[in-house]
Amino acid sequence: MRLRSNPPSLDGGVKPTQERDICQAKALARDAREAGLGRESLYKALPPAANPEFATILKVVAALGLQLHASPARARVAR
């Protein structure tokens, strides 16, 4: 006998974890559209082991309403 990892709820409805997954997928699809990327491209760009192009990062940052700023890591010493 095999146990199901995600058994259906007793009332036949959607379990809270499934509902969360659905909401996350819908939000990710919306964010991908706003970033001008395909949903699959965004999925590939987000995992911890991913190595997305900088242009992809900029699109995602802009879609989130954020900006990136650069500053020196340490002050330069005058010679």
C-alpha atoms as a PDB file:
ATOM      1  CA  MET A   1       0.000   0.000   0.000  1.00  0.00           C
ATOM      2  CA  ARG A   2       1.309   3.418  -0.985  1.00  0.00           C
ATOM      3  CA  LEU A   3       0.546   6.530   1.036  1.00  0.00           C
ATOM      4  CA  ARG A   4      -0.364   9.657  -0.851  1.00  0.00           C
ATOM      5  CA  SER A   5       1.791  12.638   0.016  1.00  0.00           C
ATOM      6  CA  ASN A   6      -1.097  15.041  -0.440  1.00  0.00           C
ATOM      7  CA  PRO A   7      -4.389  13.263   0.367  1.00  0.00           C
ATOM      8  CA  PRO A   8      -7.655  15.028  -0.459  1.00  0.00           C
ATOM      9  CA  SER A   9      -9.428  16.876   2.327  1.00  0.00           C
ATOM     10  CA  LEU A  10     -12.341  15.166   4.041  1.00  0.00           C
ATOM     11  CA  ASP A  11     -14.891  17.662   2.738  1.00  0.00           C
ATOM     12  CA  GLY A  12     -13.729  17.277  -0.880  1.00  0.00           C
ATOM     13  CA  GLY A  13     -12.397  20.838  -1.008  1.00  0.00           C
ATOM     14  CA  VAL A  14      -8.922  22.192  -1.501  1.00  0.00           C
ATOM     15  CA  LYS A  15      -6.488  21.783   1.384  1.00  0.00           C
ATOM     16  CA  PRO A  16      -4.816  24.938   2.760  1.00  0.00           C
ATOM     17  CA  THR A  17      -1.416  23.855   1.428  1.00  0.00           C
ATOM     18  CA  GLN A  18      -2.911  23.332  -2.037  1.00  0.00           C
ATOM     19  CA  GLU A  19      -4.639  26.716  -1.827  1.00  0.00           C
ATOM     20  CA  ARG A  20      -1.327  28.353  -0.913  1.00  0.00           C
ATOM     21  CA  ASP A  21       0.396  26.653  -3.845  1.00  0.00           C
ATOM     22  CA  ILE A  22      -2.335  27.833  -6.228  1.00  0.00           C
ATOM     23  CA  CYS A  23      -2.078  31.411  -4.949  1.00  0.00           C
ATOM     24  CA  GLN A  24       1.708  31.353  -5.263  1.00  0.00           C
ATOM     25  CA  ALA A  25       1.489  30.028  -8.829  1.00  0.00           C
ATOM     26  CA  LYS A  26      -1.022  32.717  -9.806  1.00  0.00           C
ATOM     27  CA  ALA A  27       1.123  35.429  -8.212  1.00  0.00           C
ATOM     28  CA  LEU A  28       4.224  34.098  -9.948  1.00  0.00           C
ATOM     29  CA  ALA A  29       2.438  34.114 -13.312  1.00  0.00           C
ATOM     30  CA  ARG A  30       1.317  37.713 -12.712  1.00  0.00           C
ATOM     31  CA  ASP A  31       4.833  38.764 -11.679  1.00  0.00           C
ATOM     32  CA  ALA A  32       6.289  37.075 -14.757  1.00  0.00           C
ATOM     33  CA  ARG A  33       3.874  38.969 -17.023  1.00  0.00           C
ATOM     34  CA  GLU A  34       4.733  42.266 -15.322  1.00  0.00           C
ATOM     35  CA  ALA A  35       8.441  41.533 -15.746  1.00  0.00           C
ATOM     36  CA  GLY A  36       7.970  40.700 -19.422  1.00  0.00           C
ATOM     37  CA  LEU A  37       9.094  37.115 -18.846  1.00  0.00           C
ATOM     38  CA  GLY A  38       7.464  33.755 -19.355  1.00  0.00           C
ATOM     39  CA  ARG A  39       6.336  31.946 -16.214  1.00  0.00           C
ATOM     40  CA  GLU A  40       8.780  29.124 -16.923  1.00  0.00           C
ATOM     41  CA  SER A  41      11.648  31.601 -17.286  1.00  0.00           C
ATOM     42  CA  LEU A  42      10.844  33.108 -13.926  1.00  0.00           C
ATOM     43  CA  TYR A  43      10.670  29.644 -12.300  1.00  0.00           C
ATOM     44  CA  LYS A  44      14.121  28.860 -13.709  1.00  0.00           C
ATOM     45  CA  ALA A  45      15.541  32.195 -12.537  1.00  0.00           C
ATOM     46  CA  LEU A  46      14.402  31.943  -8.907  1.00  0.00           C
ATOM     47  CA  PRO A  47      15.767  28.695  -7.382  1.00  0.00           C
ATOM     48  CA  PRO A  48      18.792  29.070  -5.062  1.00  0.00           C
ATOM     49  CA  ALA A  49      21.071  27.204  -7.505  1.00  0.00           C
ATOM     50  CA  ALA A  50      19.967  29.326 -10.489  1.00  0.00           C
ATOM     51  CA  ASN A  51      22.319  31.640 -12.332  1.00  0.00           C
ATOM     52  CA  PRO A  52      19.965  34.164 -13.996  1.00  0.00           C
ATOM     53  CA  GLU A  53      21.195  36.810 -16.398  1.00  0.00           C
ATOM     54  CA  PHE A  54      21.482  40.301 -14.943  1.00  0.00           C
ATOM     55  CA  ALA A  55      18.822  41.527 -17.385  1.00  0.00           C
ATOM     56  CA  THR A  56      16.391  39.000 -15.884  1.00  0.00           C
ATOM     57  CA  ILE A  57      17.174  40.237 -12.387  1.00  0.00           C
ATOM     58  CA  LEU A  58      16.561  43.832 -13.475  1.00  0.00           C
ATOM     59  CA  LYS A  59      13.203  42.895 -15.029  1.00  0.00           C
ATOM     60  CA  VAL A  60      12.078  41.132 -11.850  1.00  0.00           C
ATOM     61  CA  VAL A  61      13.262  43.999  -9.649  1.00  0.00           C
ATOM     62  CA  ALA A  62      11.414  46.538 -11.821  1.00  0.00           C
ATOM     63  CA  ALA A  63       8.237  44.408 -11.822  1.00  0.00           C
ATOM     64  CA  LEU A  64       8.363  44.398  -8.006  1.00  0.00           C
ATOM     65  CA  GLY A  65       8.569  48.216  -8.022  1.00  0.00           C
ATOM     66  CA  LEU A  66      12.134  48.247  -6.718  1.00  0.00           C
ATOM     67  CA  GLN A  67      15.420  49.759  -7.879  1.00  0.00           C
ATOM     68  CA  LEU A  68      18.984  48.531  -7.535  1.00  0.00           C
ATOM     69  CA  HIS A  69      21.691  50.940  -6.429  1.00  0.00           C
ATOM     70  CA  ALA A  70      25.434  50.408  -6.362  1.00  0.00           C
ATOM     71  CA  SER A  71      27.829  51.902  -3.848  1.00  0.00           C
ATOM     72  CA  PRO A  72      31.491  51.321  -3.082  1.00  0.00           C
ATOM     73  CA  ALA A  73      32.168  48.333  -0.836  1.00  0.00           C
ATOM     74  CA  ARG A  74      34.764  50.365   1.082  1.00  0.00           C
ATOM     75  CA  ALA A  75      36.192  53.839   0.922  1.00  0.00           C
ATOM     76  CA  ARG A  76      39.170  54.389  -1.362  1.00  0.00           C
ATOM     77  CA  VAL A  77      42.436  55.418   0.201  1.00  0.00           C
ATOM     78  CA  ALA A  78      44.004  58.530  -1.375  1.00  0.00           C
ATOM     79  CA  ARG A  79      47.596  57.960  -2.513  1.00  0.00           C
END
